[in-house]
Amino acid sequence: MAGYVARRGPMVFSSLGKWAYNLSGFNQYGLHRDDCLYENEDVKEAIRRLPRKVYDERNYRIMRALHLSMTKTILPKDQWTKYEDDVKYLEPYLQEVIKEREEREEWNKNH
């Protein structure tokens, strides 16, 4: 994954998409979209493959969000994750894991 630059924000910007993003609420805790994915086997493997720095940043955001949730507070609005700045840091790793799993399933099916 060396040299990969994570895509910033959704491919298509729309007022409806931005409204739905802000309505979801995770941005008020400073979380990114990829921090909130359901952790199935593919996502767990993609997380395991993250570079240490990105992995630590993810854990920090999650721990901060848990603390904020327990104290029933949110971040100041200027610290919320913005729709345009949401980094899809897990996306390339997840796509790679899914592709490998599908190839493995295809191989097992044919051999």
N, C-alpha and C. Protein backbone atom coordinates (compact mmCIF):
# COMPACT_ATOMS: atom_id res chain seq x y z
N MET A 1 0.81 -1.20 0.00
CA MET A 1 0.00 0.00 0.00
C MET A 1 0.86 1.27 0.00
N ALA A 2 2.15 1.11 -0.12
CA ALA A 2 3.03 2.28 -0.14
C ALA A 2 2.66 3.18 -1.31
N GLY A 3 2.62 4.45 -1.06
CA GLY A 3 2.32 5.41 -2.11
C GLY A 3 0.84 5.66 -2.32
N TYR A 4 -0.02 4.91 -1.64
CA TYR A 4 -1.46 5.13 -1.81
C TYR A 4 -1.90 6.34 -1.01
N VAL A 5 -2.68 7.19 -1.64
CA VAL A 5 -3.24 8.35 -0.95
C VAL A 5 -4.73 8.09 -0.80
N ALA A 6 -5.19 8.08 0.43
CA ALA A 6 -6.60 7.79 0.70
C ALA A 6 -7.48 8.84 0.05
N ARG A 7 -8.57 8.36 -0.51
CA ARG A 7 -9.54 9.26 -1.13
C ARG A 7 -10.21 10.07 -0.03
N ARG A 8 -10.29 11.35 -0.24
CA ARG A 8 -10.88 12.24 0.76
C ARG A 8 -12.31 12.57 0.35
N GLY A 9 -13.22 12.29 1.24
CA GLY A 9 -14.62 12.61 0.98
C GLY A 9 -15.24 11.68 -0.05
N PRO A 10 -16.53 11.71 -0.16
CA PRO A 10 -17.22 10.86 -1.12
C PRO A 10 -16.92 11.31 -2.55
N MET A 11 -17.10 10.37 -3.49
CA MET A 11 -16.87 10.69 -4.89
C MET A 11 -17.87 11.73 -5.38
N VAL A 12 -19.07 11.64 -4.92
CA VAL A 12 -20.12 12.57 -5.35
C VAL A 12 -20.55 13.40 -4.14
N PHE A 13 -20.37 14.70 -4.26
CA PHE A 13 -20.82 15.60 -3.20
C PHE A 13 -22.26 15.99 -3.49
N SER A 14 -23.12 15.85 -2.53
CA SER A 14 -24.50 16.26 -2.70
C SER A 14 -25.00 16.82 -1.38
N SER A 15 -25.96 17.70 -1.48
CA SER A 15 -26.51 18.26 -0.24
C SER A 15 -27.22 17.19 0.57
N LEU A 16 -27.84 16.22 -0.11
CA LEU A 16 -28.50 15.12 0.60
C LEU A 16 -27.47 14.24 1.31
N GLY A 17 -26.37 13.95 0.63
CA GLY A 17 -25.31 13.14 1.23
C GLY A 17 -24.70 13.83 2.44
N LYS A 18 -24.48 15.13 2.32
CA LYS A 18 -23.90 15.89 3.43
C LYS A 18 -24.88 15.94 4.60
N TRP A 19 -26.16 16.10 4.30
CA TRP A 19 -27.19 16.12 5.34
C TRP A 19 -27.23 14.78 6.07
N ALA A 20 -27.21 13.68 5.31
CA ALA A 20 -27.25 12.35 5.92
C ALA A 20 -25.98 12.09 6.74
N TYR A 21 -24.84 12.55 6.24
CA TYR A 21 -23.57 12.39 6.96
C TYR A 21 -23.64 13.09 8.31
N ASN A 22 -24.11 14.33 8.31
CA ASN A 22 -24.20 15.09 9.56
C ASN A 22 -25.27 14.53 10.49
N LEU A 23 -26.32 13.97 9.93
CA LEU A 23 -27.39 13.39 10.73
C LEU A 23 -26.94 12.11 11.45
N SER A 24 -25.98 11.39 10.86
CA SER A 24 -25.53 10.13 11.43
C SER A 24 -24.93 10.32 12.83
N GLY A 25 -24.30 11.46 13.08
CA GLY A 25 -23.83 11.79 14.41
C GLY A 25 -22.42 11.36 14.75
N PHE A 26 -21.85 10.40 14.04
CA PHE A 26 -20.51 9.95 14.41
C PHE A 26 -19.47 11.03 14.21
N ASN A 27 -19.73 11.97 13.30
CA ASN A 27 -18.78 13.06 13.08
C ASN A 27 -18.69 13.99 14.29
N GLN A 28 -19.73 14.04 15.11
CA GLN A 28 -19.73 14.89 16.30
C GLN A 28 -18.77 14.36 17.37
N TYR A 29 -18.37 13.09 17.22
CA TYR A 29 -17.41 12.49 18.13
C TYR A 29 -16.00 12.46 17.52
N GLY A 30 -15.86 13.02 16.33
CA GLY A 30 -14.56 13.05 15.66
C GLY A 30 -14.22 11.77 14.93
N LEU A 31 -15.21 10.90 14.73
CA LEU A 31 -14.98 9.64 14.05
C LEU A 31 -15.03 9.81 12.54
N HIS A 32 -14.38 8.90 11.84
CA HIS A 32 -14.47 8.82 10.38
C HIS A 32 -15.45 7.71 10.04
N ARG A 33 -15.90 7.71 8.81
CA ARG A 33 -16.85 6.68 8.36
C ARG A 33 -16.26 5.28 8.58
N ASP A 34 -14.99 5.10 8.25
CA ASP A 34 -14.37 3.78 8.37
C ASP A 34 -14.20 3.34 9.82
N ASP A 35 -14.28 4.26 10.77
CA ASP A 35 -14.21 3.89 12.19
C ASP A 35 -15.49 3.18 12.63
N CYS A 36 -16.55 3.36 11.87
CA CYS A 36 -17.88 2.87 12.29
C CYS A 36 -18.34 1.63 11.53
N LEU A 37 -17.48 1.07 10.70
CA LEU A 37 -17.87 -0.11 9.94
C LEU A 37 -18.09 -1.30 10.86
N TYR A 38 -19.08 -2.13 10.51
CA TYR A 38 -19.30 -3.38 11.24
C TYR A 38 -18.08 -4.26 11.02
N GLU A 39 -17.51 -4.78 12.08
CA GLU A 39 -16.26 -5.51 11.97
C GLU A 39 -16.50 -7.00 11.69
N ASN A 40 -16.75 -7.31 10.40
CA ASN A 40 -16.80 -8.70 9.99
C ASN A 40 -15.37 -9.18 9.76
N GLU A 41 -15.20 -10.40 9.27
CA GLU A 41 -13.85 -10.96 9.11
C GLU A 41 -13.00 -10.14 8.13
N ASP A 42 -13.62 -9.64 7.06
CA ASP A 42 -12.88 -8.85 6.07
C ASP A 42 -12.39 -7.53 6.69
N VAL A 43 -13.25 -6.86 7.43
CA VAL A 43 -12.88 -5.58 8.04
C VAL A 43 -11.80 -5.80 9.11
N LYS A 44 -11.92 -6.87 9.89
CA LYS A 44 -10.91 -7.16 10.91
C LYS A 44 -9.54 -7.38 10.27
N GLU A 45 -9.51 -8.10 9.15
CA GLU A 45 -8.24 -8.33 8.47
C GLU A 45 -7.69 -7.04 7.89
N ALA A 46 -8.56 -6.20 7.33
CA ALA A 46 -8.11 -4.91 6.78
C ALA A 46 -7.55 -4.03 7.90
N ILE A 47 -8.17 -4.03 9.06
CA ILE A 47 -7.68 -3.25 10.20
C ILE A 47 -6.31 -3.78 10.63
N ARG A 48 -6.15 -5.09 10.63
CA ARG A 48 -4.88 -5.70 11.02
C ARG A 48 -3.75 -5.26 10.09
N ARG A 49 -4.07 -5.00 8.83
CA ARG A 49 -3.06 -4.62 7.83
C ARG A 49 -2.73 -3.13 7.83
N LEU A 50 -3.45 -2.35 8.59
CA LEU A 50 -3.19 -0.91 8.61
C LEU A 50 -1.77 -0.61 9.10
N PRO A 51 -1.15 0.44 8.57
CA PRO A 51 0.13 0.87 9.14
C PRO A 51 -0.07 1.28 10.61
N ARG A 52 0.95 1.11 11.41
CA ARG A 52 0.86 1.34 12.85
C ARG A 52 0.31 2.73 13.18
N LYS A 53 0.80 3.76 12.48
CA LYS A 53 0.36 5.14 12.76
C LYS A 53 -1.14 5.30 12.51
N VAL A 54 -1.62 4.78 11.41
CA VAL A 54 -3.06 4.88 11.07
C VAL A 54 -3.88 4.07 12.07
N TYR A 55 -3.38 2.90 12.44
CA TYR A 55 -4.05 2.06 13.43
C TYR A 55 -4.17 2.79 14.78
N ASP A 56 -3.08 3.43 15.20
CA ASP A 56 -3.09 4.17 16.46
C ASP A 56 -4.04 5.38 16.40
N GLU A 57 -4.07 6.08 15.28
CA GLU A 57 -4.98 7.22 15.12
C GLU A 57 -6.42 6.75 15.20
N ARG A 58 -6.72 5.61 14.58
CA ARG A 58 -8.07 5.04 14.62
C ARG A 58 -8.46 4.70 16.06
N ASN A 59 -7.56 4.03 16.77
CA ASN A 59 -7.85 3.68 18.16
C ASN A 59 -8.06 4.91 19.03
N TYR A 60 -7.27 5.96 18.79
CA TYR A 60 -7.43 7.20 19.56
C TYR A 60 -8.82 7.80 19.32
N ARG A 61 -9.24 7.86 18.04
CA ARG A 61 -10.56 8.43 17.73
C ARG A 61 -11.67 7.61 18.40
N ILE A 62 -11.55 6.30 18.37
CA ILE A 62 -12.57 5.44 18.96
C ILE A 62 -12.60 5.60 20.48
N MET A 63 -11.43 5.62 21.11
CA MET A 63 -11.38 5.79 22.58
C MET A 63 -11.94 7.15 22.98
N ARG A 64 -11.60 8.19 22.23
CA ARG A 64 -12.13 9.53 22.52
C ARG A 64 -13.65 9.53 22.37
N ALA A 65 -14.16 8.88 21.33
CA ALA A 65 -15.61 8.83 21.11
C ALA A 65 -16.30 8.07 22.24
N LEU A 66 -15.70 6.98 22.69
CA LEU A 66 -16.28 6.24 23.81
C LEU A 66 -16.33 7.09 25.07
N HIS A 67 -15.25 7.82 25.33
CA HIS A 67 -15.22 8.70 26.50
C HIS A 67 -16.30 9.79 26.39
N LEU A 68 -16.41 10.40 25.21
CA LEU A 68 -17.43 11.44 25.01
C LEU A 68 -18.84 10.86 25.19
N SER A 69 -19.05 9.67 24.67
CA SER A 69 -20.36 9.03 24.79
C SER A 69 -20.69 8.74 26.26
N MET A 70 -19.71 8.24 27.02
CA MET A 70 -19.95 7.93 28.43
C MET A 70 -20.25 9.19 29.24
N THR A 71 -19.63 10.30 28.87
CA THR A 71 -19.86 11.55 29.60
C THR A 71 -21.02 12.35 29.00
N LYS A 72 -21.67 11.77 27.98
CA LYS A 72 -22.82 12.38 27.31
C LYS A 72 -22.51 13.79 26.79
N THR A 73 -21.34 13.90 26.16
CA THR A 73 -20.93 15.16 25.54
C THR A 73 -20.50 14.89 24.10
N ILE A 74 -20.32 15.95 23.35
CA ILE A 74 -19.79 15.86 21.99
C ILE A 74 -18.64 16.86 21.87
N LEU A 75 -17.89 16.74 20.81
CA LEU A 75 -16.79 17.67 20.57
C LEU A 75 -17.33 19.05 20.20
N PRO A 76 -16.52 20.10 20.40
CA PRO A 76 -16.92 21.41 19.89
C PRO A 76 -17.07 21.32 18.36
N LYS A 77 -17.99 22.08 17.81
CA LYS A 77 -18.32 21.96 16.39
C LYS A 77 -17.10 22.11 15.47
N ASP A 78 -16.13 22.91 15.86
CA ASP A 78 -14.96 23.09 15.00
C ASP A 78 -14.06 21.85 14.96
N GLN A 79 -14.30 20.87 15.85
CA GLN A 79 -13.51 19.63 15.86
C GLN A 79 -14.27 18.45 15.24
N TRP A 80 -15.50 18.67 14.81
CA TRP A 80 -16.26 17.60 14.17
C TRP A 80 -15.58 17.22 12.87
N THR A 81 -15.69 15.94 12.50
CA THR A 81 -15.18 15.50 11.21
C THR A 81 -16.09 16.07 10.13
N LYS A 82 -15.50 16.77 9.18
CA LYS A 82 -16.29 17.37 8.10
C LYS A 82 -16.49 16.36 6.98
N TYR A 83 -17.63 16.46 6.35
CA TYR A 83 -18.01 15.59 5.24
C TYR A 83 -16.92 15.56 4.17
N GLU A 84 -16.39 16.71 3.85
CA GLU A 84 -15.39 16.82 2.79
C GLU A 84 -14.03 16.27 3.22
N ASP A 85 -13.78 16.19 4.52
CA ASP A 85 -12.47 15.77 5.04
C ASP A 85 -12.44 14.32 5.54
N ASP A 86 -13.55 13.61 5.42
CA ASP A 86 -13.60 12.24 5.91
C ASP A 86 -12.71 11.36 5.05
N VAL A 87 -11.62 10.85 5.64
CA VAL A 87 -10.65 10.05 4.92
C VAL A 87 -11.08 8.59 4.95
N LYS A 88 -11.17 7.98 3.79
CA LYS A 88 -11.52 6.56 3.68
C LYS A 88 -10.24 5.73 3.78
N TYR A 89 -9.63 5.77 4.95
CA TYR A 89 -8.32 5.16 5.14
C TYR A 89 -8.33 3.64 5.04
N LEU A 90 -9.45 3.00 5.32
CA LEU A 90 -9.53 1.54 5.33
C LEU A 90 -9.89 0.97 3.95
N GLU A 91 -10.43 1.80 3.10
CA GLU A 91 -10.96 1.36 1.81
C GLU A 91 -9.98 0.53 0.97
N PRO A 92 -8.73 0.98 0.74
CA PRO A 92 -7.84 0.18 -0.11
C PRO A 92 -7.50 -1.18 0.50
N TYR A 93 -7.34 -1.22 1.82
CA TYR A 93 -7.03 -2.48 2.49
C TYR A 93 -8.23 -3.42 2.45
N LEU A 94 -9.41 -2.87 2.64
CA LEU A 94 -10.62 -3.68 2.62
C LEU A 94 -10.87 -4.25 1.22
N GLN A 95 -10.68 -3.44 0.20
CA GLN A 95 -10.85 -3.94 -1.17
C GLN A 95 -9.87 -5.05 -1.48
N GLU A 96 -8.64 -4.91 -0.99
CA GLU A 96 -7.62 -5.94 -1.20
C GLU A 96 -8.01 -7.24 -0.49
N VAL A 97 -8.48 -7.14 0.74
CA VAL A 97 -8.89 -8.32 1.51
C VAL A 97 -10.07 -9.02 0.83
N ILE A 98 -11.05 -8.25 0.39
CA ILE A 98 -12.22 -8.84 -0.28
C ILE A 98 -11.80 -9.53 -1.57
N LYS A 99 -10.94 -8.90 -2.34
CA LYS A 99 -10.47 -9.49 -3.59
C LYS A 99 -9.74 -10.80 -3.31
N GLU A 100 -8.87 -10.82 -2.29
CA GLU A 100 -8.15 -12.04 -1.93
C GLU A 100 -9.11 -13.14 -1.49
N ARG A 101 -10.12 -12.79 -0.69
CA ARG A 101 -11.10 -13.78 -0.24
C ARG A 101 -11.87 -14.36 -1.41
N GLU A 102 -12.31 -13.49 -2.33
CA GLU A 102 -13.05 -13.96 -3.50
C GLU A 102 -12.19 -14.86 -4.38
N GLU A 103 -10.91 -14.52 -4.54
CA GLU A 103 -9.99 -15.37 -5.31
C GLU A 103 -9.81 -16.72 -4.64
N ARG A 104 -9.68 -16.71 -3.30
CA ARG A 104 -9.52 -17.94 -2.54
C ARG A 104 -10.78 -18.81 -2.67
N GLU A 105 -11.96 -18.20 -2.58
CA GLU A 105 -13.20 -18.95 -2.73
C GLU A 105 -13.33 -19.53 -4.13
N GLU A 106 -12.94 -18.77 -5.13
CA GLU A 106 -12.98 -19.25 -6.52
C GLU A 106 -12.02 -20.41 -6.71
N TRP A 107 -10.83 -20.29 -6.14
CA TRP A 107 -9.84 -21.35 -6.23
C TRP A 107 -10.36 -22.63 -5.57
N ASN A 108 -10.92 -22.49 -4.38
CA ASN A 108 -11.43 -23.65 -3.64
C ASN A 108 -12.60 -24.30 -4.36
N LYS A 109 -13.38 -23.49 -5.05
CA LYS A 109 -14.53 -24.01 -5.78
C LYS A 109 -14.09 -24.83 -7.00
N ASN A 110 -13.01 -24.43 -7.62
CA ASN A 110 -12.56 -25.08 -8.86
C ASN A 110 -11.51 -26.17 -8.64
N HIS A 111 -11.00 -26.30 -7.42
CA HIS A 111 -9.95 -27.31 -7.19
C HIS A 111 -10.28 -28.20 -6.03
